[in-house]
């Protein structure tokens, strides 16, 4: 949607759709936690969203040796070192971890709430502008 030359509503809408897809994948993972051979699903949409926004090439830079670099090896892992990610040692080849899924679910819910609030704020501003 390009309301009055503003693409932010479309971007927020895409963000919400991506988060909905992620929540569906998490729900499927939790529902199949005891299904032998089930492999964990993921919904990755951030790259497509960055392309829609315009590349997402803005990078933070470090100006001091004590600064923590952005991205790096922890990117997309909810602050957990990939070596520490929970893995399944189950004999039935199911790789779903309830702890990992619940952490992902909480993160997704917080992001969905932030996106919903951003959309509500944007629509409220437009309503005020139209009303005068």
Protein backbone atom coordinates (compact mmCIF):
# COMPACT_ATOMS: atom_id res chain seq x y z
CA UNK A 1 0.00 0.00 0.00
CA UNK A 2 1.37 3.41 -0.94
CA UNK A 3 -0.80 5.88 0.95
CA UNK A 4 0.03 9.45 -0.04
CA UNK A 5 3.52 8.45 -1.16
CA UNK A 6 4.23 6.65 2.13
CA UNK A 7 5.40 3.05 1.87
CA UNK A 8 5.74 2.46 5.62
CA UNK A 9 2.26 0.93 5.97
CA UNK A 10 3.14 -1.67 3.34
CA UNK A 11 6.44 -2.42 5.06
CA UNK A 12 4.76 -2.82 8.46
CA UNK A 13 2.10 -5.03 6.86
CA UNK A 14 4.83 -7.24 5.35
CA UNK A 15 6.52 -7.37 8.74
CA UNK A 16 3.27 -8.54 10.34
CA UNK A 17 2.72 -11.20 7.64
CA UNK A 18 6.26 -12.51 8.13
CA UNK A 19 5.82 -12.68 11.89
CA UNK A 20 2.51 -14.51 11.40
CA UNK A 21 4.28 -17.07 9.20
CA UNK A 22 6.97 -17.46 11.87
CA UNK A 23 4.36 -17.97 14.59
CA UNK A 24 2.63 -20.63 12.45
CA UNK A 25 5.94 -22.46 12.01
CA UNK A 26 6.61 -22.33 15.75
CA UNK A 27 3.08 -23.62 16.45
CA UNK A 28 3.65 -26.51 14.04
CA UNK A 29 6.95 -27.31 15.74
CA UNK A 30 5.37 -27.36 19.19
CA UNK A 31 2.41 -29.43 17.96
CA UNK A 32 4.79 -32.01 16.47
CA UNK A 33 7.24 -32.20 19.34
CA UNK A 34 6.47 -35.92 19.81
CA UNK A 35 6.21 -36.83 16.12
CA UNK A 36 9.04 -39.20 15.16
CA UNK A 37 11.17 -37.86 12.30
CA UNK A 38 9.61 -34.37 12.37
CA UNK A 39 12.08 -31.67 11.38
CA UNK A 40 11.81 -28.18 12.81
CA UNK A 41 10.33 -25.52 10.49
CA UNK A 42 11.51 -21.93 10.28
CA UNK A 43 10.07 -18.84 8.61
CA UNK A 44 12.80 -16.46 7.52
CA UNK A 45 11.54 -13.24 6.03
CA UNK A 46 13.93 -10.55 7.23
CA UNK A 47 16.03 -10.56 4.04
CA UNK A 48 12.98 -10.03 1.83
CA UNK A 49 11.75 -7.31 4.16
CA UNK A 50 15.12 -5.53 4.04
CA UNK A 51 15.01 -5.63 0.24
CA UNK A 52 11.49 -4.17 0.30
CA UNK A 53 12.65 -1.36 2.59
CA UNK A 54 15.53 -0.55 0.28
CA UNK A 55 18.45 -2.78 0.96
CA UNK A 56 18.82 -2.36 4.69
CA UNK A 57 22.47 -1.58 4.12
CA UNK A 58 22.80 0.87 7.00
CA UNK A 59 25.46 -0.53 9.26
CA UNK A 60 26.54 0.56 12.69
CA UNK A 61 30.22 1.11 13.04
CA UNK A 62 32.50 0.71 16.00
CA UNK A 63 34.56 3.74 16.96
CA UNK A 64 36.28 2.18 19.94
CA UNK A 65 37.96 -1.19 20.46
CA UNK A 66 35.58 -1.84 23.38
CA UNK A 67 32.47 -1.59 21.18
CA UNK A 68 30.64 -4.76 20.27
CA UNK A 69 30.38 -5.36 16.52
CA UNK A 70 26.86 -5.69 15.13
CA UNK A 71 25.89 -8.88 13.31
CA UNK A 72 28.79 -11.21 13.55
CA UNK A 73 28.38 -14.76 14.70
CA UNK A 74 25.36 -14.11 16.89
CA UNK A 75 23.12 -12.64 14.20
CA UNK A 76 19.59 -14.03 14.21
CA UNK A 77 20.16 -16.32 17.18
CA UNK A 78 18.23 -14.38 19.84
CA UNK A 79 21.46 -13.58 21.67
CA UNK A 80 22.57 -17.20 21.90
CA UNK A 81 25.90 -18.37 20.57
CA UNK A 82 25.19 -20.90 17.76
CA UNK A 83 27.41 -23.41 19.54
CA UNK A 84 25.02 -23.22 22.49
CA UNK A 85 21.82 -23.73 20.52
CA UNK A 86 19.75 -26.56 21.83
CA UNK A 87 20.03 -29.67 19.76
CA UNK A 88 18.11 -32.86 20.00
CA UNK A 89 19.75 -36.07 21.07
CA UNK A 90 16.54 -37.98 20.51
CA UNK A 91 16.64 -41.35 18.85
CA UNK A 92 13.52 -40.65 16.73
CA UNK A 93 15.27 -37.97 14.62
CA UNK A 94 12.89 -35.23 15.81
CA UNK A 95 14.94 -32.04 16.23
CA UNK A 96 12.37 -29.83 18.02
CA UNK A 97 13.41 -28.37 21.36
CA UNK A 98 10.58 -26.96 23.46
CA UNK A 99 12.95 -24.46 25.11
CA UNK A 100 14.12 -23.11 21.77
CA UNK A 101 10.55 -22.93 20.45
CA UNK A 102 9.24 -21.11 23.52
CA UNK A 103 12.09 -18.59 23.30
CA UNK A 104 11.35 -18.04 19.61
CA UNK A 105 7.63 -17.72 20.37
CA UNK A 106 8.23 -15.05 23.02
CA UNK A 107 10.54 -13.12 20.68
CA UNK A 108 8.02 -13.33 17.84
CA UNK A 109 5.18 -12.16 20.07
CA UNK A 110 7.17 -9.12 21.21
CA UNK A 111 8.07 -8.24 17.63
CA UNK A 112 4.43 -8.66 16.54
CA UNK A 113 3.30 -6.34 19.32
CA UNK A 114 5.88 -3.73 18.27
CA UNK A 115 4.79 -3.96 14.62
CA UNK A 116 1.11 -3.71 15.61
CA UNK A 117 1.82 -0.62 17.69
CA UNK A 118 3.80 0.93 14.83
CA UNK A 119 0.88 0.35 12.45
CA UNK A 120 -1.63 1.73 14.95
CA UNK A 121 0.51 4.84 15.44
CA UNK A 122 0.90 5.35 11.70
CA UNK A 123 -2.84 5.01 11.06
CA UNK A 124 -3.61 7.34 13.97
CA UNK A 125 -1.31 9.98 12.47
CA UNK A 126 -3.00 9.63 9.09
CA UNK A 127 -6.41 9.91 10.73
CA UNK A 128 -5.37 13.12 12.48
CA UNK A 129 -3.98 14.58 9.26
CA UNK A 130 -7.18 13.81 7.37
CA UNK A 131 -9.41 15.17 10.15
CA UNK A 132 -7.36 18.37 10.29
